[in-house]
N, C-alpha and C. Protein backbone atom coordinates (compact mmCIF):
# COMPACT_ATOMS: atom_id res chain seq x y z
N UNK A 1 45.35 28.51 92.96
CA UNK A 1 44.25 28.86 91.86
C UNK A 1 44.95 28.59 90.41
N UNK A 2 44.08 27.72 89.52
CA UNK A 2 44.94 27.46 88.22
C UNK A 2 44.02 27.81 87.42
N UNK A 3 44.33 28.81 86.11
CA UNK A 3 43.56 28.96 85.01
C UNK A 3 43.59 27.81 84.05
N UNK A 4 42.61 27.32 83.81
CA UNK A 4 42.55 25.94 83.10
C UNK A 4 42.29 26.21 81.41
N UNK A 5 41.26 27.30 81.08
CA UNK A 5 41.07 27.69 79.95
C UNK A 5 40.38 29.05 79.93
N UNK A 6 41.00 29.96 78.88
CA UNK A 6 39.76 31.28 78.68
C UNK A 6 39.72 31.85 77.27
N UNK A 7 38.79 32.23 77.05
CA UNK A 7 38.40 32.55 75.67
C UNK A 7 37.73 34.04 75.66
N UNK A 8 38.42 34.81 74.99
CA UNK A 8 37.63 36.18 74.61
C UNK A 8 36.69 35.86 73.53
N UNK A 9 35.27 36.72 74.22
CA UNK A 9 34.28 36.47 73.25
C UNK A 9 34.25 37.52 72.00
N UNK A 10 33.25 37.86 71.20
CA UNK A 10 33.29 38.84 70.21
C UNK A 10 32.54 40.05 70.86
N UNK A 11 31.85 40.03 71.77
CA UNK A 11 31.24 41.00 72.54
C UNK A 11 32.25 41.83 73.70
N UNK A 12 33.42 41.15 73.73
CA UNK A 12 34.11 41.92 74.84
C UNK A 12 34.43 40.95 75.87
N UNK A 13 33.47 40.36 76.42
CA UNK A 13 33.21 39.62 77.61
C UNK A 13 34.14 38.23 77.43
N UNK A 14 34.47 37.79 78.41
CA UNK A 14 35.57 36.27 78.54
C UNK A 14 34.71 35.44 79.23
N UNK A 15 35.33 34.27 78.89
CA UNK A 15 35.01 32.72 79.20
C UNK A 15 36.13 32.32 80.14
N UNK A 16 36.18 32.04 81.39
CA UNK A 16 37.36 31.62 81.98
C UNK A 16 37.19 30.52 83.05
N UNK A 17 37.74 29.49 82.85
CA UNK A 17 37.54 28.02 83.66
C UNK A 17 38.56 28.17 84.37
N UNK A 18 38.63 28.06 85.86
CA UNK A 18 39.38 28.20 87.15
C UNK A 18 39.22 27.18 88.01
N UNK A 19 40.44 26.60 88.31
CA UNK A 19 40.37 25.48 89.16
C UNK A 19 41.11 26.09 90.78
N UNK A 20 40.19 26.31 91.98
CA UNK A 20 40.38 26.69 93.03
C UNK A 20 40.89 25.43 94.13
N UNK A 21 41.91 25.90 94.73
CA UNK A 21 42.13 24.89 96.16
C UNK A 21 40.99 24.96 96.89
N UNK A 22 40.75 24.10 97.75
CA UNK A 22 39.57 23.79 98.90
C UNK A 22 39.68 25.03 99.73
N UNK A 23 40.94 25.88 100.08
CA UNK A 23 40.40 27.12 101.01
C UNK A 23 40.40 28.54 100.25
N UNK A 24 40.23 28.31 98.68
CA UNK A 24 40.28 29.63 97.97
C UNK A 24 38.83 29.79 97.74
N UNK A 25 38.64 31.53 97.65
CA UNK A 25 37.50 31.77 97.21
C UNK A 25 37.85 33.00 95.97
N UNK A 26 36.83 32.82 95.01
CA UNK A 26 37.05 33.67 93.82
C UNK A 26 36.15 35.06 94.10
N UNK A 27 36.57 35.78 93.69
CA UNK A 27 35.92 37.19 93.99
C UNK A 27 36.20 38.26 92.69
N UNK A 28 35.24 38.89 92.25
CA UNK A 28 35.41 39.76 90.88
C UNK A 28 35.56 41.13 91.51
N UNK A 29 36.10 41.81 90.89
CA UNK A 29 35.95 43.34 91.13
C UNK A 29 36.42 44.07 89.78
N UNK A 30 35.30 45.23 89.25
CA UNK A 30 35.23 46.41 88.45
C UNK A 30 36.52 46.92 88.79
N UNK A 31 37.60 47.19 88.28
CA UNK A 31 38.92 48.32 88.80
C UNK A 31 38.26 49.95 88.47
N UNK A 32 37.19 50.09 87.93
CA UNK A 32 36.80 51.67 88.20
C UNK A 32 35.66 51.82 89.29
N UNK A 33 35.14 50.74 89.98
CA UNK A 33 34.31 50.68 90.73
C UNK A 33 34.70 51.14 92.56
N UNK A 34 34.21 51.29 92.99
CA UNK A 34 34.48 51.94 94.55
C UNK A 34 33.76 50.71 95.53
N UNK A 35 34.51 50.36 96.27
CA UNK A 35 33.99 49.17 97.50
C UNK A 35 34.47 49.79 98.69
N UNK A 36 33.35 49.20 99.42
CA UNK A 36 33.54 49.67 101.19
C UNK A 36 34.41 48.48 101.70
N UNK A 37 35.31 48.85 102.39
CA UNK A 37 36.16 47.61 103.09
C UNK A 37 35.18 47.05 104.60
N UNK A 38 35.37 46.04 104.91
CA UNK A 38 34.61 45.50 106.23
C UNK A 38 35.29 46.11 107.56
N UNK A 39 34.55 45.69 108.55
CA UNK A 39 34.96 46.00 109.86
C UNK A 39 36.38 45.31 109.99
N UNK A 40 37.40 46.02 110.76
CA UNK A 40 37.52 47.31 111.21
C UNK A 40 37.91 48.46 110.38
N UNK A 41 37.95 48.03 109.58
CA UNK A 41 38.72 49.34 108.45
C UNK A 41 37.61 50.35 107.94
N UNK A 42 36.63 49.96 107.23
CA UNK A 42 35.51 50.88 106.94
C UNK A 42 35.88 52.07 106.04
N UNK A 43 36.83 51.60 105.19
CA UNK A 43 37.33 52.46 104.20
C UNK A 43 36.80 52.39 102.87
N UNK A 44 36.84 53.33 101.97
CA UNK A 44 36.35 52.97 100.61
C UNK A 44 37.92 53.06 99.87
N UNK A 45 37.79 52.04 98.95
CA UNK A 45 38.64 51.59 98.11
C UNK A 45 38.38 51.66 96.49
N UNK A 46 39.29 51.97 95.60
CA UNK A 46 38.81 51.85 94.35
C UNK A 46 39.36 50.32 93.85
N UNK A 47 38.43 49.77 93.05
CA UNK A 47 38.91 48.48 92.52
C UNK A 47 40.12 48.19 92.17
N UNK A 48 40.57 49.16 91.38
CA UNK A 48 42.33 48.91 90.59
C UNK A 48 43.21 48.82 91.86
N UNK A 49 43.12 49.32 93.20
CA UNK A 49 43.73 49.08 94.20
C UNK A 49 43.82 47.61 94.91
N UNK A 50 42.56 47.04 94.69
CA UNK A 50 42.61 45.63 95.28
C UNK A 50 42.98 44.66 94.38
N UNK A 51 42.84 45.09 92.82
CA UNK A 51 43.38 44.45 91.82
C UNK A 51 45.00 44.61 92.08
N UNK A 52 45.59 45.37 92.26
CA UNK A 52 47.05 45.46 92.42
C UNK A 52 47.48 45.28 93.75
N UNK A 53 46.79 44.22 94.75
CA UNK A 53 47.02 43.91 95.69
C UNK A 53 48.29 42.70 95.71
N UNK A 54 48.90 42.74 96.63
CA UNK A 54 49.75 41.08 96.75
C UNK A 54 49.39 40.41 97.84
N UNK A 55 49.57 39.02 97.76
CA UNK A 55 49.20 38.20 98.79
C UNK A 55 50.46 38.21 99.82
N UNK A 56 50.37 38.32 101.18
CA UNK A 56 51.58 38.03 101.78
C UNK A 56 51.24 37.25 103.16
N UNK A 57 52.42 36.93 104.06
CA UNK A 57 52.06 36.21 105.06
C UNK A 57 52.97 36.80 106.11
N UNK A 58 52.77 36.37 107.36
CA UNK A 58 53.80 37.16 108.52
C UNK A 58 54.66 36.23 109.06
N UNK A 59 55.72 36.86 108.56
CA UNK A 59 57.09 36.41 108.91
C UNK A 59 57.54 36.41 110.77
N UNK A 60 57.56 35.43 111.28
CA UNK A 60 57.89 35.29 112.72
C UNK A 60 59.13 35.85 113.15
N UNK A 61 59.87 35.30 112.09
CA UNK A 61 61.62 35.86 112.61
C UNK A 61 61.67 37.08 112.24
N UNK A 62 61.06 37.81 111.33
CA UNK A 62 61.49 39.19 110.81
C UNK A 62 60.45 40.15 111.56
N UNK A 63 59.27 39.49 112.22
CA UNK A 63 58.23 40.24 112.60
C UNK A 63 57.78 41.24 111.48
N UNK A 64 57.54 40.86 110.37
CA UNK A 64 57.29 41.78 109.17
C UNK A 64 56.31 41.00 108.40
N UNK A 65 55.33 41.92 107.55
CA UNK A 65 54.50 40.88 106.67
C UNK A 65 55.46 41.04 105.08
N UNK A 66 55.43 39.90 104.45
CA UNK A 66 56.36 39.44 103.32
C UNK A 66 55.51 38.95 102.49
N UNK A 67 55.69 39.50 100.71
CA UNK A 67 54.74 38.73 100.05
C UNK A 67 55.22 37.33 99.61
N UNK A 68 54.03 36.46 99.65
CA UNK A 68 54.16 34.70 99.25
C UNK A 68 54.57 34.81 97.98
């Protein structure tokens, strides 16, 4: 994902032009709202917890999740 352009509007909203890779999806979250995670978790999570998350990958050698 690459942010190409962003502009703050007078009403507080933002215009953002984003370029996504072919395998990426863009999702928007309200950090003060609550979201139900999908199966198999089915937990309720506040939006700010999702926004503070980090992308990880599985390390075969260390047998652990590492931040990408």
